[in-house]
Amino acid sequence: MVHDFDELMTALKDKDYEFEKMDGFIKKNFKYTDGKSTDRVIDQLIMGIEPEDNSIR
């Protein structure tokens, strides 16, 4: 875990990260991971289409 930008840059440079923890983090913190976020933003903001709550993960 990093707490600021400098720590993030150091961790990335040193390749100090644990991929096995990513799935749990993603499932906990992100509702949509289907690659269609831009489509949803356009639909809602430009087209006025309300989002469906179909719990895609």
PDB file of N, CA and C in Angstrom:
ATOM      1  N   MET A   1       0.854  -1.167   0.000  1.00  0.00           N
ATOM      2  CA  MET A   1       0.000   0.000   0.000  1.00  0.00           C
ATOM      3  C   MET A   1       0.902   1.232   0.000  1.00  0.00           C
ATOM      4  N   VAL A   2       0.501   2.203  -0.767  1.00  0.00           N
ATOM      5  CA  VAL A   2       1.232   3.463  -0.794  1.00  0.00           C
ATOM      6  C   VAL A   2       0.317   4.567  -0.281  1.00  0.00           C
ATOM      7  N   HIS A   3       0.930   5.640   0.188  1.00  0.00           N
ATOM      8  CA  HIS A   3       0.150   6.721   0.791  1.00  0.00           C
ATOM      9  C   HIS A   3       0.276   8.044   0.066  1.00  0.00           C
ATOM     10  N   ASP A   4       1.195   8.149  -0.876  1.00  0.00           N
ATOM     11  CA  ASP A   4       1.323   9.389  -1.633  1.00  0.00           C
ATOM     12  C   ASP A   4       1.956   9.089  -2.998  1.00  0.00           C
ATOM     13  N   PHE A   5       2.031  10.110  -3.830  1.00  0.00           N
ATOM     14  CA  PHE A   5       2.497   9.935  -5.195  1.00  0.00           C
ATOM     15  C   PHE A   5       3.942   9.444  -5.251  1.00  0.00           C
ATOM     16  N   ASP A   6       4.796   9.980  -4.390  1.00  0.00           N
ATOM     17  CA  ASP A   6       6.200   9.557  -4.393  1.00  0.00           C
ATOM     18  C   ASP A   6       6.340   8.074  -4.060  1.00  0.00           C
ATOM     19  N   GLU A   7       5.579   7.597  -3.090  1.00  0.00           N
ATOM     20  CA  GLU A   7       5.609   6.176  -2.746  1.00  0.00           C
ATOM     21  C   GLU A   7       5.091   5.328  -3.912  1.00  0.00           C
ATOM     22  N   LEU A   8       4.072   5.831  -4.595  1.00  0.00           N
ATOM     23  CA  LEU A   8       3.544   5.115  -5.755  1.00  0.00           C
ATOM     24  C   LEU A   8       4.611   4.993  -6.832  1.00  0.00           C
ATOM     25  N   MET A   9       5.290   6.079  -7.129  1.00  0.00           N
ATOM     26  CA  MET A   9       6.316   6.058  -8.166  1.00  0.00           C
ATOM     27  C   MET A   9       7.458   5.110  -7.786  1.00  0.00           C
ATOM     28  N   THR A  10       7.835   5.111  -6.524  1.00  0.00           N
ATOM     29  CA  THR A  10       8.904   4.216  -6.066  1.00  0.00           C
ATOM     30  C   THR A  10       8.464   2.757  -6.191  1.00  0.00           C
ATOM     31  N   ALA A  11       7.239   2.465  -5.785  1.00  0.00           N
ATOM     32  CA  ALA A  11       6.733   1.091  -5.869  1.00  0.00           C
ATOM     33  C   ALA A  11       6.681   0.619  -7.323  1.00  0.00           C
ATOM     34  N   LEU A  12       6.249   1.490  -8.216  1.00  0.00           N
ATOM     35  CA  LEU A  12       6.203   1.113  -9.627  1.00  0.00           C
ATOM     36  C   LEU A  12       7.598   0.914 -10.198  1.00  0.00           C
ATOM     37  N   LYS A  13       8.510   1.801  -9.856  1.00  0.00           N
ATOM     38  CA  LYS A  13       9.878   1.697 -10.353  1.00  0.00           C
ATOM     39  C   LYS A  13      10.545   0.419  -9.865  1.00  0.00           C
ATOM     40  N   ASP A  14      10.328   0.096  -8.582  1.00  0.00           N
ATOM     41  CA  ASP A  14      10.943  -1.086  -7.974  1.00  0.00           C
ATOM     42  C   ASP A  14      10.141  -2.371  -8.223  1.00  0.00           C
ATOM     43  N   LYS A  15       9.022  -2.244  -8.927  1.00  0.00           N
ATOM     44  CA  LYS A  15       8.106  -3.370  -9.159  1.00  0.00           C
ATOM     45  C   LYS A  15       7.700  -4.031  -7.843  1.00  0.00           C
ATOM     46  N   ASP A  16       7.385  -3.179  -6.871  1.00  0.00           N
ATOM     47  CA  ASP A  16       7.017  -3.614  -5.527  1.00  0.00           C
ATOM     48  C   ASP A  16       5.492  -3.650  -5.406  1.00  0.00           C
ATOM     49  N   TYR A  17       4.861  -4.642  -5.996  1.00  0.00           N
ATOM     50  CA  TYR A  17       3.421  -4.796  -5.923  1.00  0.00           C
ATOM     51  C   TYR A  17       3.074  -6.277  -5.972  1.00  0.00           C
ATOM     52  N   GLU A  18       1.895  -6.593  -5.479  1.00  0.00           N
ATOM     53  CA  GLU A  18       1.472  -7.982  -5.369  1.00  0.00           C
ATOM     54  C   GLU A  18       0.208  -8.194  -6.211  1.00  0.00           C
ATOM     55  N   PHE A  19       0.380  -8.775  -7.395  1.00  0.00           N
ATOM     56  CA  PHE A  19      -0.741  -8.983  -8.304  1.00  0.00           C
ATOM     57  C   PHE A  19      -1.836  -9.848  -7.704  1.00  0.00           C
ATOM     58  N   GLU A  20      -1.489 -10.774  -6.841  1.00  0.00           N
ATOM     59  CA  GLU A  20      -2.491 -11.684  -6.282  1.00  0.00           C
ATOM     60  C   GLU A  20      -3.523 -10.962  -5.425  1.00  0.00           C
ATOM     61  N   LYS A  21      -3.228  -9.737  -4.984  1.00  0.00           N
ATOM     62  CA  LYS A  21      -4.175  -8.978  -4.172  1.00  0.00           C
ATOM     63  C   LYS A  21      -5.096  -8.097  -5.020  1.00  0.00           C
ATOM     64  N   MET A  22      -4.833  -8.001  -6.305  1.00  0.00           N
ATOM     65  CA  MET A  22      -5.599  -7.097  -7.153  1.00  0.00           C
ATOM     66  C   MET A  22      -7.049  -7.531  -7.335  1.00  0.00           C
ATOM     67  N   ASP A  23      -7.312  -8.810  -7.529  1.00  0.00           N
ATOM     68  CA  ASP A  23      -8.684  -9.263  -7.758  1.00  0.00           C
ATOM     69  C   ASP A  23      -9.610  -8.897  -6.607  1.00  0.00           C
ATOM     70  N   GLY A  24      -9.176  -9.116  -5.389  1.00  0.00           N
ATOM     71  CA  GLY A  24      -9.990  -8.766  -4.226  1.00  0.00           C
ATOM     72  C   GLY A  24     -10.255  -7.275  -4.148  1.00  0.00           C
ATOM     73  N   PHE A  25      -9.246  -6.468  -4.416  1.00  0.00           N
ATOM     74  CA  PHE A  25      -9.388  -5.010  -4.402  1.00  0.00           C
ATOM     75  C   PHE A  25     -10.380  -4.558  -5.471  1.00  0.00           C
ATOM     76  N   ILE A  26     -10.244  -5.107  -6.664  1.00  0.00           N
ATOM     77  CA  ILE A  26     -11.129  -4.724  -7.770  1.00  0.00           C
ATOM     78  C   ILE A  26     -12.572  -5.104  -7.458  1.00  0.00           C
ATOM     79  N   LYS A  27     -12.797  -6.311  -6.972  1.00  0.00           N
ATOM     80  CA  LYS A  27     -14.156  -6.755  -6.657  1.00  0.00           C
ATOM     81  C   LYS A  27     -14.781  -5.904  -5.559  1.00  0.00           C
ATOM     82  N   LYS A  28     -13.981  -5.482  -4.604  1.00  0.00           N
ATOM     83  CA  LYS A  28     -14.485  -4.684  -3.486  1.00  0.00           C
ATOM     84  C   LYS A  28     -14.791  -3.249  -3.899  1.00  0.00           C
ATOM     85  N   ASN A  29     -13.989  -2.671  -4.803  1.00  0.00           N
ATOM     86  CA  ASN A  29     -14.053  -1.242  -5.044  1.00  0.00           C
ATOM     87  C   ASN A  29     -14.635  -0.806  -6.384  1.00  0.00           C
ATOM     88  N   PHE A  30     -14.840  -1.710  -7.306  1.00  0.00           N
ATOM     89  CA  PHE A  30     -15.323  -1.327  -8.626  1.00  0.00           C
ATOM     90  C   PHE A  30     -16.546  -2.143  -9.007  1.00  0.00           C
ATOM     91  N   LYS A  31     -17.633  -1.457  -9.338  1.00  0.00           N
ATOM     92  CA  LYS A  31     -18.854  -2.155  -9.729  1.00  0.00           C
ATOM     93  C   LYS A  31     -18.739  -2.706 -11.145  1.00  0.00           C
ATOM     94  N   TYR A  32     -18.238  -1.893 -12.061  1.00  0.00           N
ATOM     95  CA  TYR A  32     -18.165  -2.301 -13.464  1.00  0.00           C
ATOM     96  C   TYR A  32     -16.717  -2.496 -13.888  1.00  0.00           C
ATOM     97  N   THR A  33     -16.410  -3.637 -14.435  1.00  0.00           N
ATOM     98  CA  THR A  33     -15.070  -3.912 -14.964  1.00  0.00           C
ATOM     99  C   THR A  33     -15.175  -4.583 -16.330  1.00  0.00           C
ATOM    100  N   ASP A  34     -16.178  -4.158 -17.087  1.00  0.00           N
ATOM    101  CA  ASP A  34     -16.443  -4.785 -18.376  1.00  0.00           C
ATOM    102  C   ASP A  34     -15.877  -4.000 -19.559  1.00  0.00           C
ATOM    103  N   GLY A  35     -15.178  -2.889 -19.298  1.00  0.00           N
ATOM    104  CA  GLY A  35     -14.593  -2.101 -20.369  1.00  0.00           C
ATOM    105  C   GLY A  35     -15.583  -1.196 -21.088  1.00  0.00           C
ATOM    106  N   LYS A  36     -16.758  -0.997 -20.515  1.00  0.00           N
ATOM    107  CA  LYS A  36     -17.777  -0.182 -21.178  1.00  0.00           C
ATOM    108  C   LYS A  36     -18.141   1.075 -20.384  1.00  0.00           C
ATOM    109  N   SER A  37     -17.241   1.540 -19.542  1.00  0.00           N
ATOM    110  CA  SER A  37     -17.527   2.715 -18.724  1.00  0.00           C
ATOM    111  C   SER A  37     -17.788   3.951 -19.560  1.00  0.00           C
ATOM    112  N   THR A  38     -16.995   4.152 -20.606  1.00  0.00           N
ATOM    113  CA  THR A  38     -17.189   5.320 -21.468  1.00  0.00           C
ATOM    114  C   THR A  38     -18.569   5.290 -22.109  1.00  0.00           C
ATOM    115  N   ASP A  39     -19.001   4.128 -22.559  1.00  0.00           N
ATOM    116  CA  ASP A  39     -20.343   4.004 -23.141  1.00  0.00           C
ATOM    117  C   ASP A  39     -21.411   4.417 -22.131  1.00  0.00           C
ATOM    118  N   ARG A  40     -21.263   4.007 -20.879  1.00  0.00           N
ATOM    119  CA  ARG A  40     -22.244   4.352 -19.860  1.00  0.00           C
ATOM    120  C   ARG A  40     -22.250   5.857 -19.586  1.00  0.00           C
ATOM    121  N   VAL A  41     -21.075   6.478 -19.564  1.00  0.00           N
ATOM    122  CA  VAL A  41     -20.994   7.929 -19.341  1.00  0.00           C
ATOM    123  C   VAL A  41     -21.692   8.662 -20.483  1.00  0.00           C
ATOM    124  N   ILE A  42     -21.408   8.281 -21.711  1.00  0.00           N
ATOM    125  CA  ILE A  42     -22.042   8.912 -22.874  1.00  0.00           C
ATOM    126  C   ILE A  42     -23.553   8.707 -22.831  1.00  0.00           C
ATOM    127  N   ASP A  43     -23.982   7.485 -22.551  1.00  0.00           N
ATOM    128  CA  ASP A  43     -25.415   7.205 -22.480  1.00  0.00           C
ATOM    129  C   ASP A  43     -26.106   8.105 -21.461  1.00  0.00           C
ATOM    130  N   GLN A  44     -25.506   8.241 -20.283  1.00  0.00           N
ATOM    131  CA  GLN A  44     -26.162   8.988 -19.221  1.00  0.00           C
ATOM    132  C   GLN A  44     -26.035  10.489 -19.412  1.00  0.00           C
ATOM    133  N   LEU A  45     -24.836  10.999 -19.678  1.00  0.00           N
ATOM    134  CA  LEU A  45     -24.645  12.445 -19.740  1.00  0.00           C
ATOM    135  C   LEU A  45     -25.105  13.070 -21.051  1.00  0.00           C
ATOM    136  N   ILE A  46     -24.877  12.403 -22.147  1.00  0.00           N
ATOM    137  CA  ILE A  46     -25.193  12.996 -23.447  1.00  0.00           C
ATOM    138  C   ILE A  46     -26.559  12.545 -23.952  1.00  0.00           C
ATOM    139  N   MET A  47     -26.833  11.263 -23.841  1.00  0.00           N
ATOM    140  CA  MET A  47     -28.082  10.721 -24.378  1.00  0.00           C
ATOM    141  C   MET A  47     -29.239  10.797 -23.378  1.00  0.00           C
ATOM    142  N   GLY A  48     -28.931  10.996 -22.081  1.00  0.00           N
ATOM    143  CA  GLY A  48     -29.972  11.082 -21.068  1.00  0.00           C
ATOM    144  C   GLY A  48     -30.572   9.749 -20.680  1.00  0.00           C
ATOM    145  N   ILE A  49     -29.874   8.659 -20.973  1.00  0.00           N
ATOM    146  CA  ILE A  49     -30.361   7.315 -20.646  1.00  0.00           C
ATOM    147  C   ILE A  49     -29.903   6.961 -19.230  1.00  0.00           C
ATOM    148  N   GLU A  50     -30.846   6.624 -18.384  1.00  0.00           N
ATOM    149  CA  GLU A  50     -30.504   6.256 -17.010  1.00  0.00           C
ATOM    150  C   GLU A  50     -29.822   4.890 -16.987  1.00  0.00           C
ATOM    151  N   PRO A  51     -28.838   4.724 -16.111  1.00  0.00           N
ATOM    152  CA  PRO A  51     -28.128   3.434 -16.043  1.00  0.00           C
ATOM    153  C   PRO A  51     -29.019   2.327 -15.497  1.00  0.00           C
ATOM    154  N   GLU A  52     -28.774   1.135 -16.010  1.00  0.00           N
ATOM    155  CA  GLU A  52     -29.474  -0.048 -15.497  1.00  0.00           C
ATOM    156  C   GLU A  52     -28.671  -0.584 -14.316  1.00  0.00           C
ATOM    157  N   ASP A  53     -29.336  -1.066 -13.309  1.00  0.00           N
ATOM    158  CA  ASP A  53     -28.655  -1.662 -12.169  1.00  0.00           C
ATOM    159  C   ASP A  53     -28.649  -3.173 -12.351  1.00  0.00           C
ATOM    160  N   ASN A  54     -27.765  -3.644 -13.259  1.00  0.00           N
ATOM    161  CA  ASN A  54     -27.725  -5.082 -13.536  1.00  0.00           C
ATOM    162  C   ASN A  54     -26.490  -5.750 -12.951  1.00  0.00           C
ATOM    163  N   SER A  55     -25.783  -5.051 -12.079  1.00  0.00           N
ATOM    164  CA  SER A  55     -24.654  -5.595 -11.313  1.00  0.00           C
ATOM    165  C   SER A  55     -23.634  -6.361 -12.160  1.00  0.00           C
ATOM    166  N   ILE A  56     -23.232  -5.777 -13.276  1.00  0.00           N
ATOM    167  CA  ILE A  56     -22.181  -6.380 -14.100  1.00  0.00           C
ATOM    168  C   ILE A  56     -20.865  -6.287 -13.359  1.00  0.00           C
ATOM    169  N   ARG A  57     -20.101  -7.361 -13.345  1.00  0.00           N
ATOM    170  CA  ARG A  57     -18.790  -7.350 -12.696  1.00  0.00           C
ATOM    171  C   ARG A  57     -17.792  -8.024 -13.564  1.00  0.00           C
TER     172      ARG A  57
END
